[in-house]
PDB file of all heavy atoms in Angstrom:
ATOM      1  N   LEU A   1     123.219 -83.795  61.979  1.00  0.00           N
ATOM      2  CA  LEU A   1     124.535 -83.508  61.435  1.00  0.00           C
ATOM      3  C   LEU A   1     124.750 -84.267  60.135  1.00  0.00           C
ATOM      4  O   LEU A   1     125.249 -83.713  59.160  1.00  0.00           O
ATOM      5  CB  LEU A   1     125.617 -83.870  62.450  1.00  0.00           C
ATOM      6  CG  LEU A   1     127.057 -83.620  62.019  1.00  0.00           C
ATOM      7  CD1 LEU A   1     127.263 -82.141  61.686  1.00  0.00           C
ATOM      8  CD2 LEU A   1     128.018 -84.045  63.103  1.00  0.00           C
ATOM      9  N   ASN A   2     124.357 -85.527  60.089  1.00  0.00           N
ATOM     10  CA  ASN A   2     124.501 -86.323  58.874  1.00  0.00           C
ATOM     11  C   ASN A   2     123.688 -85.721  57.734  1.00  0.00           C
ATOM     12  O   ASN A   2     124.153 -85.653  56.598  1.00  0.00           O
ATOM     13  CB  ASN A   2     124.071 -87.770  59.109  1.00  0.00           C
ATOM     14  CG  ASN A   2     125.050 -88.514  59.995  1.00  0.00           C
ATOM     15  OD1 ASN A   2     126.197 -88.129  60.119  1.00  0.00           O
ATOM     16  ND2 ASN A   2     124.567 -89.556  60.620  1.00  0.00           N
ATOM     17  N   ILE A   3     122.467 -85.293  58.019  1.00  0.00           N
ATOM     18  CA  ILE A   3     121.624 -84.688  56.999  1.00  0.00           C
ATOM     19  C   ILE A   3     122.253 -83.383  56.513  1.00  0.00           C
ATOM     20  O   ILE A   3     122.278 -83.104  55.310  1.00  0.00           O
ATOM     21  CB  ILE A   3     120.183 -84.471  57.517  1.00  0.00           C
ATOM     22  CG1 ILE A   3     119.525 -85.837  57.750  1.00  0.00           C
ATOM     23  CG2 ILE A   3     119.362 -83.637  56.552  1.00  0.00           C
ATOM     24  CD1 ILE A   3     118.201 -85.771  58.473  1.00  0.00           C
ATOM     25  N   ALA A   4     122.797 -82.602  57.424  1.00  0.00           N
ATOM     26  CA  ALA A   4     123.466 -81.361  57.038  1.00  0.00           C
ATOM     27  C   ALA A   4     124.666 -81.651  56.140  1.00  0.00           C
ATOM     28  O   ALA A   4     124.892 -80.956  55.138  1.00  0.00           O
ATOM     29  CB  ALA A   4     123.904 -80.593  58.275  1.00  0.00           C
ATOM     30  N   GLU A   5     125.432 -82.685  56.460  1.00  0.00           N
ATOM     31  CA  GLU A   5     126.576 -83.065  55.634  1.00  0.00           C
ATOM     32  C   GLU A   5     126.126 -83.495  54.245  1.00  0.00           C
ATOM     33  O   GLU A   5     126.759 -83.144  53.246  1.00  0.00           O
ATOM     34  CB  GLU A   5     127.365 -84.187  56.302  1.00  0.00           C
ATOM     35  CG  GLU A   5     128.122 -83.731  57.534  1.00  0.00           C
ATOM     36  CD  GLU A   5     128.765 -84.876  58.292  1.00  0.00           C
ATOM     37  OE1 GLU A   5     128.406 -86.053  58.048  1.00  0.00           O
ATOM     38  OE2 GLU A   5     129.622 -84.600  59.130  1.00  0.00           O
ATOM     39  N   ILE A   6     125.035 -84.240  54.175  1.00  0.00           N
ATOM     40  CA  ILE A   6     124.483 -84.672  52.889  1.00  0.00           C
ATOM     41  C   ILE A   6     124.067 -83.463  52.068  1.00  0.00           C
ATOM     42  O   ILE A   6     124.369 -83.360  50.874  1.00  0.00           O
ATOM     43  CB  ILE A   6     123.294 -85.632  53.100  1.00  0.00           C
ATOM     44  CG1 ILE A   6     123.792 -86.962  53.669  1.00  0.00           C
ATOM     45  CG2 ILE A   6     122.530 -85.849  51.795  1.00  0.00           C
ATOM     46  CD1 ILE A   6     122.686 -87.859  54.196  1.00  0.00           C
ATOM     47  N   GLU A   7     123.372 -82.526  52.692  1.00  0.00           N
ATOM     48  CA  GLU A   7     122.909 -81.336  51.983  1.00  0.00           C
ATOM     49  C   GLU A   7     124.078 -80.491  51.490  1.00  0.00           C
ATOM     50  O   GLU A   7     124.037 -79.951  50.383  1.00  0.00           O
ATOM     51  CB  GLU A   7     121.970 -80.506  52.857  1.00  0.00           C
ATOM     52  CG  GLU A   7     120.628 -81.162  53.082  1.00  0.00           C
ATOM     53  CD  GLU A   7     119.859 -81.406  51.788  1.00  0.00           C
ATOM     54  OE1 GLU A   7     119.866 -80.540  50.886  1.00  0.00           O
ATOM     55  OE2 GLU A   7     119.254 -82.472  51.676  1.00  0.00           O
ATOM     56  N   LEU A   8     125.123 -80.365  52.300  1.00  0.00           N
ATOM     57  CA  LEU A   8     126.298 -79.609  51.860  1.00  0.00           C
ATOM     58  C   LEU A   8     126.984 -80.303  50.683  1.00  0.00           C
ATOM     59  O   LEU A   8     127.464 -79.629  49.765  1.00  0.00           O
ATOM     60  CB  LEU A   8     127.283 -79.426  53.016  1.00  0.00           C
ATOM     61  CG  LEU A   8     126.869 -78.381  54.045  1.00  0.00           C
ATOM     62  CD1 LEU A   8     127.808 -78.418  55.246  1.00  0.00           C
ATOM     63  CD2 LEU A   8     126.840 -76.995  53.436  1.00  0.00           C
ATOM     64  N   ALA A   9     127.026 -81.617  50.691  1.00  0.00           N
ATOM     65  CA  ALA A   9     127.617 -82.351  49.573  1.00  0.00           C
ATOM     66  C   ALA A   9     126.807 -82.136  48.299  1.00  0.00           C
ATOM     67  O   ALA A   9     127.371 -81.931  47.219  1.00  0.00           O
ATOM     68  CB  ALA A   9     127.703 -83.838  49.910  1.00  0.00           C
ATOM     69  N   VAL A  10     125.484 -82.174  48.423  1.00  0.00           N
ATOM     70  CA  VAL A  10     124.617 -81.934  47.261  1.00  0.00           C
ATOM     71  C   VAL A  10     124.837 -80.524  46.739  1.00  0.00           C
ATOM     72  O   VAL A  10     125.000 -80.306  45.533  1.00  0.00           O
ATOM     73  CB  VAL A  10     123.126 -82.173  47.620  1.00  0.00           C
ATOM     74  CG1 VAL A  10     122.216 -81.673  46.515  1.00  0.00           C
ATOM     75  CG2 VAL A  10     122.876 -83.647  47.894  1.00  0.00           C
ATOM     76  N   LEU A  11     124.835 -79.556  47.629  1.00  0.00           N
ATOM     77  CA  LEU A  11     125.044 -78.162  47.238  1.00  0.00           C
ATOM     78  C   LEU A  11     126.405 -77.996  46.558  1.00  0.00           C
ATOM     79  O   LEU A  11     126.524 -77.314  45.541  1.00  0.00           O
ATOM     80  CB  LEU A  11     124.943 -77.251  48.460  1.00  0.00           C
ATOM     81  CG  LEU A  11     125.113 -75.768  48.194  1.00  0.00           C
ATOM     82  CD1 LEU A  11     123.980 -75.251  47.312  1.00  0.00           C
ATOM     83  CD2 LEU A  11     125.143 -75.009  49.504  1.00  0.00           C
ATOM     84  N   SER A  12     127.407 -78.638  47.099  1.00  0.00           N
ATOM     85  CA  SER A  12     128.739 -78.563  46.520  1.00  0.00           C
ATOM     86  C   SER A  12     128.748 -79.098  45.095  1.00  0.00           C
ATOM     87  O   SER A  12     129.337 -78.495  44.193  1.00  0.00           O
ATOM     88  CB  SER A  12     129.712 -79.355  47.385  1.00  0.00           C
ATOM     89  OG  SER A  12     130.998 -79.296  46.832  1.00  0.00           O
ATOM     90  N   ASN A  13     128.065 -80.210  44.874  1.00  0.00           N
ATOM     91  CA  ASN A  13     127.994 -80.788  43.535  1.00  0.00           C
ATOM     92  C   ASN A  13     127.180 -79.921  42.576  1.00  0.00           C
ATOM     93  O   ASN A  13     127.459 -79.882  41.376  1.00  0.00           O
ATOM     94  CB  ASN A  13     127.412 -82.195  43.577  1.00  0.00           C
ATOM     95  CG  ASN A  13     128.362 -83.183  44.190  1.00  0.00           C
ATOM     96  OD1 ASN A  13     129.564 -83.008  44.144  1.00  0.00           O
ATOM     97  ND2 ASN A  13     127.833 -84.223  44.791  1.00  0.00           N
ATOM     98  N   MET A  14     126.172 -79.242  43.096  1.00  0.00           N
ATOM     99  CA  MET A  14     125.295 -78.453  42.236  1.00  0.00           C
ATOM    100  C   MET A  14     125.913 -77.123  41.824  1.00  0.00           C
ATOM    101  O   MET A  14     125.783 -76.714  40.681  1.00  0.00           O
ATOM    102  CB  MET A  14     123.961 -78.206  42.936  1.00  0.00           C
ATOM    103  CG  MET A  14     123.134 -79.458  43.122  1.00  0.00           C
ATOM    104  SD  MET A  14     121.693 -79.161  44.130  1.00  0.00           S
ATOM    105  CE  MET A  14     120.516 -78.655  42.904  1.00  0.00           C
ATOM    106  N   CYS A  15     126.532 -76.422  42.758  1.00  0.00           N
ATOM    107  CA  CYS A  15     126.991 -75.075  42.395  1.00  0.00           C
ATOM    108  C   CYS A  15     128.334 -74.661  42.966  1.00  0.00           C
ATOM    109  O   CYS A  15     128.905 -73.684  42.501  1.00  0.00           O
ATOM    110  CB  CYS A  15     125.938 -74.043  42.780  1.00  0.00           C
ATOM    111  SG  CYS A  15     125.782 -73.765  44.544  1.00  0.00           S
ATOM    112  N   LEU A  16     128.854 -75.357  43.927  1.00  0.00           N
ATOM    113  CA  LEU A  16     130.088 -74.900  44.549  1.00  0.00           C
ATOM    114  C   LEU A  16     131.344 -75.480  43.908  1.00  0.00           C
ATOM    115  O   LEU A  16     132.445 -75.227  44.362  1.00  0.00           O
ATOM    116  CB  LEU A  16     130.075 -75.209  46.048  1.00  0.00           C
ATOM    117  CG  LEU A  16     128.966 -74.526  46.839  1.00  0.00           C
ATOM    118  CD1 LEU A  16     129.078 -74.884  48.310  1.00  0.00           C
ATOM    119  CD2 LEU A  16     128.993 -73.023  46.642  1.00  0.00           C
ATOM    120  N   SER A  17     131.177 -76.248  42.839  1.00  0.00           N
ATOM    121  CA  SER A  17     132.339 -76.815  42.167  1.00  0.00           C
ATOM    122  C   SER A  17     133.009 -75.790  41.251  1.00  0.00           C
ATOM    123  O   SER A  17     134.077 -76.034  40.728  1.00  0.00           O
ATOM    124  CB  SER A  17     131.922 -78.038  41.363  1.00  0.00           C
ATOM    125  OG  SER A  17     130.927 -77.675  40.427  1.00  0.00           O
ATOM    126  N   GLN A  18     132.363 -74.649  41.090  1.00  0.00           N
ATOM    127  CA  GLN A  18     132.930 -73.583  40.262  1.00  0.00           C
ATOM    128  C   GLN A  18     133.464 -72.455  41.145  1.00  0.00           C
ATOM    129  O   GLN A  18     133.119 -72.363  42.314  1.00  0.00           O
ATOM    130  CB  GLN A  18     131.858 -73.041  39.331  1.00  0.00           C
ATOM    131  CG  GLN A  18     130.673 -72.448  40.076  1.00  0.00           C
ATOM    132  CD  GLN A  18     129.545 -72.071  39.161  1.00  0.00           C
ATOM    133  OE1 GLN A  18     129.784 -71.763  38.019  1.00  0.00           O
ATOM    134  NE2 GLN A  18     128.325 -72.097  39.660  1.00  0.00           N
ATOM    135  N   ARG A  19     134.260 -71.627  40.575  1.00  0.00           N
ATOM    136  CA  ARG A  19     134.787 -70.475  41.322  1.00  0.00           C
ATOM    137  C   ARG A  19     133.717 -69.392  41.347  1.00  0.00           C
ATOM    138  O   ARG A  19     133.179 -69.016  40.320  1.00  0.00           O
ATOM    139  CB  ARG A  19     136.051 -69.965  40.653  1.00  0.00           C
ATOM    140  CG  ARG A  19     136.749 -68.939  41.458  1.00  0.00           C
ATOM    141  CD  ARG A  19     138.242 -69.053  41.206  1.00  0.00           C
ATOM    142  NE  ARG A  19     138.966 -68.047  41.928  1.00  0.00           N
ATOM    143  CZ  ARG A  19     139.438 -68.217  43.146  1.00  0.00           C
ATOM    144  NH1 ARG A  19     139.268 -69.358  43.758  1.00  0.00           N
ATOM    145  NH2 ARG A  19     140.098 -67.259  43.751  1.00  0.00           N
ATOM    146  N   ILE A  20     133.416 -68.889  42.543  1.00  0.00           N
ATOM    147  CA  ILE A  20     132.394 -67.858  42.712  1.00  0.00           C
ATOM    148  C   ILE A  20     133.104 -66.584  43.167  1.00  0.00           C
ATOM    149  O   ILE A  20     133.778 -66.578  44.193  1.00  0.00           O
ATOM    150  CB  ILE A  20     131.310 -68.316  43.699  1.00  0.00           C
ATOM    151  CG1 ILE A  20     130.644 -69.573  43.140  1.00  0.00           C
ATOM    152  CG2 ILE A  20     130.296 -67.219  43.947  1.00  0.00           C
ATOM    153  CD1 ILE A  20     129.640 -70.227  44.019  1.00  0.00           C
ATOM    154  N   PRO A  21     132.933 -65.494  42.413  1.00  0.00           N
ATOM    155  CA  PRO A  21     133.758 -64.298  42.622  1.00  0.00           C
ATOM    156  C   PRO A  21     133.504 -63.501  43.896  1.00  0.00           C
ATOM    157  O   PRO A  21     134.432 -62.899  44.439  1.00  0.00           O
ATOM    158  CB  PRO A  21     133.459 -63.440  41.391  1.00  0.00           C
ATOM    159  CG  PRO A  21     132.126 -63.887  40.921  1.00  0.00           C
ATOM    160  CD  PRO A  21     132.030 -65.331  41.280  1.00  0.00           C
ATOM    161  N   ASP A  22     132.262 -63.477  44.393  1.00  0.00           N
ATOM    162  CA  ASP A  22     131.990 -62.637  45.554  1.00  0.00           C
ATOM    163  C   ASP A  22     130.849 -63.213  46.383  1.00  0.00           C
ATOM    164  O   ASP A  22     130.184 -64.159  45.987  1.00  0.00           O
ATOM    165  CB  ASP A  22     131.677 -61.192  45.147  1.00  0.00           C
ATOM    166  CG  ASP A  22     130.539 -61.106  44.151  1.00  0.00           C
ATOM    167  OD1 ASP A  22     129.528 -61.804  44.334  1.00  0.00           O
ATOM    168  OD2 ASP A  22     130.671 -60.325  43.182  1.00  0.00           O
ATOM    169  N   THR A  23     130.651 -62.626  47.542  1.00  0.00           N
ATOM    170  CA  THR A  23     129.649 -63.113  48.492  1.00  0.00           C
ATOM    171  C   THR A  23     128.235 -63.047  47.919  1.00  0.00           C
ATOM    172  O   THR A  23     127.448 -63.971  48.091  1.00  0.00           O
ATOM    173  CB  THR A  23     129.713 -62.301  49.800  1.00  0.00           C
ATOM    174  OG1 THR A  23     131.047 -62.331  50.280  1.00  0.00           O
ATOM    175  CG2 THR A  23     128.791 -62.877  50.848  1.00  0.00           C
ATOM    176  N   GLU A  24     127.922 -61.974  47.235  1.00  0.00           N
ATOM    177  CA  GLU A  24     126.571 -61.825  46.679  1.00  0.00           C
ATOM    178  C   GLU A  24     126.295 -62.873  45.599  1.00  0.00           C
ATOM    179  O   GLU A  24     125.207 -63.448  45.541  1.00  0.00           O
ATOM    180  CB  GLU A  24     126.375 -60.411  46.117  1.00  0.00           C
ATOM    181  CG  GLU A  24     124.935 -60.093  45.778  1.00  0.00           C
ATOM    182  CD  GLU A  24     123.955 -60.353  46.922  1.00  0.00           C
ATOM    183  OE1 GLU A  24     124.281 -60.027  48.085  1.00  0.00           O
ATOM    184  OE2 GLU A  24     122.858 -60.891  46.661  1.00  0.00           O
ATOM    185  N   SER A  25     127.269 -63.166  44.777  1.00  0.00           N
ATOM    186  CA  SER A  25     127.112 -64.218  43.762  1.00  0.00           C
ATOM    187  C   SER A  25     126.929 -65.578  44.431  1.00  0.00           C
ATOM    188  O   SER A  25     126.112 -66.386  43.984  1.00  0.00           O
ATOM    189  CB  SER A  25     128.331 -64.267  42.842  1.00  0.00           C
ATOM    190  OG  SER A  25     128.457 -63.070  42.138  1.00  0.00           O
ATOM    191  N   LEU A  26     127.684 -65.822  45.476  1.00  0.00           N
ATOM    192  CA  LEU A  26     127.548 -67.068  46.235  1.00  0.00           C
ATOM    193  C   LEU A  26     126.143 -67.182  46.802  1.00  0.00           C
ATOM    194  O   LEU A  26     125.497 -68.223  46.686  1.00  0.00           O
ATOM    195  CB  LEU A  26     128.577 -67.126  47.359  1.00  0.00           C
ATOM    196  CG  LEU A  26     128.451 -68.302  48.321  1.00  0.00           C
ATOM    197  CD1 LEU A  26     128.666 -69.619  47.599  1.00  0.00           C
ATOM    198  CD2 LEU A  26     129.424 -68.143  49.474  1.00  0.00           C
ATOM    199  N   ARG A  27     125.652 -66.103  47.394  1.00  0.00           N
ATOM    200  CA  ARG A  27     124.304 -66.102  47.972  1.00  0.00           C
ATOM    201  C   ARG A  27     123.257 -66.421  46.899  1.00  0.00           C
ATOM    202  O   ARG A  27     122.358 -67.225  47.117  1.00  0.00           O
ATOM    203  CB  ARG A  27     124.024 -64.745  48.626  1.00  0.00           C
ATOM    204  CG  ARG A  27     122.770 -64.712  49.458  1.00  0.00           C
ATOM    205  CD  ARG A  27     122.640 -63.426  50.255  1.00  0.00           C
ATOM    206  NE  ARG A  27     123.586 -63.469  51.374  1.00  0.00           N
ATOM    207  CZ  ARG A  27     124.565 -62.597  51.583  1.00  0.00           C
ATOM    208  NH1 ARG A  27     124.746 -61.578  50.778  1.00  0.00           N
ATOM    209  NH2 ARG A  27     125.372 -62.715  52.616  1.00  0.00           N
ATOM    210  N   ARG A  28     123.381 -65.806  45.724  1.00  0.00           N
ATOM    211  CA  ARG A  28     122.428 -66.067  44.632  1.00  0.00           C
ATOM    212  C   ARG A  28     122.493 -67.520  44.169  1.00  0.00           C
ATOM    213  O   ARG A  28     121.465 -68.156  43.941  1.00  0.00           O
ATOM    214  CB  ARG A  28     122.698 -65.121  43.457  1.00  0.00           C
ATOM    215  CG  ARG A  28     122.152 -63.724  43.664  1.00  0.00           C
ATOM    216  CD  ARG A  28     122.145 -62.935  42.357  1.00  0.00           C
ATOM    217  NE  ARG A  28     123.437 -62.957  41.671  1.00  0.00           N
ATOM    218  CZ  ARG A  28     124.405 -62.057  41.851  1.00  0.00           C
ATOM    219  NH1 ARG A  28     124.240 -61.061  42.686  1.00  0.00           N
ATOM    220  NH2 ARG A  28     125.544 -62.158  41.174  1.00  0.00           N
ATOM    221  N   GLU A  29     123.701 -68.055  44.016  1.00  0.00           N
ATOM    222  CA  GLU A  29     123.869 -69.452  43.585  1.00  0.00           C
ATOM    223  C   GLU A  29     123.238 -70.418  44.582  1.00  0.00           C
ATOM    224  O   GLU A  29     122.543 -71.355  44.206  1.00  0.00           O
ATOM    225  CB  GLU A  29     125.360 -69.791  43.426  1.00  0.00           C
ATOM    226  CG  GLU A  29     125.990 -69.226  42.212  1.00  0.00           C
ATOM    227  CD  GLU A  29     125.567 -69.938  40.946  1.00  0.00           C
ATOM    228  OE1 GLU A  29     125.246 -71.141  40.985  1.00  0.00           O
ATOM    229  OE2 GLU A  29     125.549 -69.276  39.906  1.00  0.00           O
ATOM    230  N   VAL A  30     123.518 -70.196  45.856  1.00  0.00           N
ATOM    231  CA  VAL A  30     122.986 -71.077  46.898  1.00  0.00           C
ATOM    232  C   VAL A  30     121.462 -71.002  46.920  1.00  0.00           C
ATOM    233  O   VAL A  30     120.782 -72.030  46.947  1.00  0.00           O
ATOM    234  CB  VAL A  30     123.599 -70.726  48.273  1.00  0.00           C
ATOM    235  CG1 VAL A  30     122.880 -71.451  49.395  1.00  0.00           C
ATOM    236  CG2 VAL A  30     125.082 -71.070  48.286  1.00  0.00           C
ATOM    237  N   GLU A  31     120.914 -69.790  46.898  1.00  0.00           N
ATOM    238  CA  GLU A  31     119.446 -69.631  46.905  1.00  0.00           C
ATOM    239  C   GLU A  31     118.809 -70.308  45.700  1.00  0.00           C
ATOM    240  O   GLU A  31     117.789 -70.968  45.823  1.00  0.00           O
ATOM    241  CB  GLU A  31     119.064 -68.146  46.932  1.00  0.00           C
ATOM    242  CG  GLU A  31     119.263 -67.487  48.273  1.00  0.00           C
ATOM    243  CD  GLU A  31     118.332 -68.034  49.346  1.00  0.00           C
ATOM    244  OE1 GLU A  31     117.155 -68.299  49.041  1.00  0.00           O
ATOM    245  OE2 GLU A  31     118.804 -68.196  50.475  1.00  0.00           O
ATOM    246  N   ALA A  32     119.411 -70.149  44.536  1.00  0.00           N
ATOM    247  CA  ALA A  32     118.858 -70.739  43.316  1.00  0.00           C
ATOM    248  C   ALA A  32     118.825 -72.259  43.392  1.00  0.00           C
ATOM    249  O   ALA A  32     117.957 -72.902  42.799  1.00  0.00           O
ATOM    250  CB  ALA A  32     119.675 -70.292  42.105  1.00  0.00           C
ATOM    251  N   ASN A  33     119.740 -72.852  44.139  1.00  0.00           N
ATOM    252  CA  ASN A  33     119.785 -74.306  44.247  1.00  0.00           C
ATOM    253  C   ASN A  33     119.011 -74.835  45.447  1.00  0.00           C
ATOM    254  O   ASN A  33     118.489 -75.945  45.407  1.00  0.00           O
ATOM    255  CB  ASN A  33     121.234 -74.773  44.315  1.00  0.00           C
ATOM    256  CG  ASN A  33     121.896 -74.704  42.972  1.00  0.00           C
ATOM    257  OD1 ASN A  33     121.683 -75.548  42.130  1.00  0.00           O
ATOM    258  ND2 ASN A  33     122.674 -73.654  42.749  1.00  0.00           N
ATOM    259  N   ILE A  34     118.924 -74.051  46.507  1.00  0.00           N
ATOM    260  CA  ILE A  34     118.259 -74.518  47.723  1.00  0.00           C
ATOM    261  C   ILE A  34     116.729 -74.460  47.598  1.00  0.00           C
ATOM    262  O   ILE A  34     116.043 -75.376  48.028  1.00  0.00           O
ATOM    263  CB  ILE A  34     118.728 -73.708  48.944  1.00  0.00           C
ATOM    264  CG1 ILE A  34     120.132 -74.143  49.308  1.00  0.00           C
ATOM    265  CG2 ILE A  34     117.805 -73.893  50.127  1.00  0.00           C
ATOM    266  CD1 ILE A  34     120.712 -73.403  50.480  1.00  0.00           C
ATOM    267  N   LEU A  35     116.206 -73.396  47.029  1.00  0.00           N
ATOM    268  CA  LEU A  35     114.751 -73.240  46.970  1.00  0.00           C
ATOM    269  C   LEU A  35     114.050 -74.418  46.283  1.00  0.00           C
ATOM    270  O   LEU A  35     113.126 -74.996  46.861  1.00  0.00           O
ATOM    271  CB  LEU A  35     114.385 -71.902  46.322  1.00  0.00           C
ATOM    272  CG  LEU A  35     114.731 -70.676  47.168  1.00  0.00           C
ATOM    273  CD1 LEU A  35     114.448 -69.402  46.385  1.00  0.00           C
ATOM    274  CD2 LEU A  35     113.990 -70.679  48.479  1.00  0.00           C
ATOM    275  N   PRO A  36     114.470 -74.828  45.082  1.00  0.00           N
ATOM    276  CA  PRO A  36     113.798 -75.990  44.463  1.00  0.00           C
ATOM    277  C   PRO A  36     113.982 -77.272  45.278  1.00  0.00           C
ATOM    278  O   PRO A  36     113.079 -78.097  45.375  1.00  0.00           O
ATOM    279  CB  PRO A  36     114.472 -76.123  43.107  1.00  0.00           C
ATOM    280  CG  PRO A  36     115.198 -74.861  42.873  1.00  0.00           C
ATOM    281  CD  PRO A  36     115.456 -74.247  44.210  1.00  0.00           C
ATOM    282  N   ARG A  37     115.160 -77.424  45.878  1.00  0.00           N
ATOM    283  CA  ARG A  37     115.424 -78.633  46.680  1.00  0.00           C
ATOM    284  C   ARG A  37     114.535 -78.672  47.919  1.00  0.00           C
ATOM    285  O   ARG A  37     114.004 -79.722  48.278  1.00  0.00           O
ATOM    286  CB  ARG A  37     116.900 -78.648  47.081  1.00  0.00           C
ATOM    287  CG  ARG A  37     117.308 -79.948  47.676  1.00  0.00           C
ATOM    288  CD  ARG A  37     118.762 -80.194  47.463  1.00  0.00           C
ATOM    289  NE  ARG A  37     119.183 -81.315  48.247  1.00  0.00           N
ATOM    290  CZ  ARG A  37     119.000 -82.573  47.903  1.00  0.00           C
ATOM    291  NH1 ARG A  37     118.415 -82.859  46.773  1.00  0.00           N
ATOM    292  NH2 ARG A  37     119.402 -83.549  48.674  1.00  0.00           N
ATOM    293  N   ASN A  38     114.357 -77.536  48.585  1.00  0.00           N
ATOM    294  CA  ASN A  38     113.479 -77.481  49.755  1.00  0.00           C
ATOM    295  C   ASN A  38     112.028 -77.709  49.365  1.00  0.00           C
ATOM    296  O   ASN A  38     111.277 -78.350  50.097  1.00  0.00           O
ATOM    297  CB  ASN A  38     113.624 -76.147  50.475  1.00  0.00           C
ATOM    298  CG  ASN A  38     114.913 -76.058  51.253  1.00  0.00           C
ATOM    299  OD1 ASN A  38     115.591 -77.047  51.491  1.00  0.00           O
ATOM    300  ND2 ASN A  38     115.274 -74.848  51.639  1.00  0.00           N
TER     301      ASN A  38
END
């Protein structure tokens, strides 16, 4: 749970601090940030 919270905080800082218009854009943003991190 702690690791998941850390990862969500990182993701939030990387791409979720901006307004994302739709689900598909959100999915693309998350994928673009998660793949290099993983």
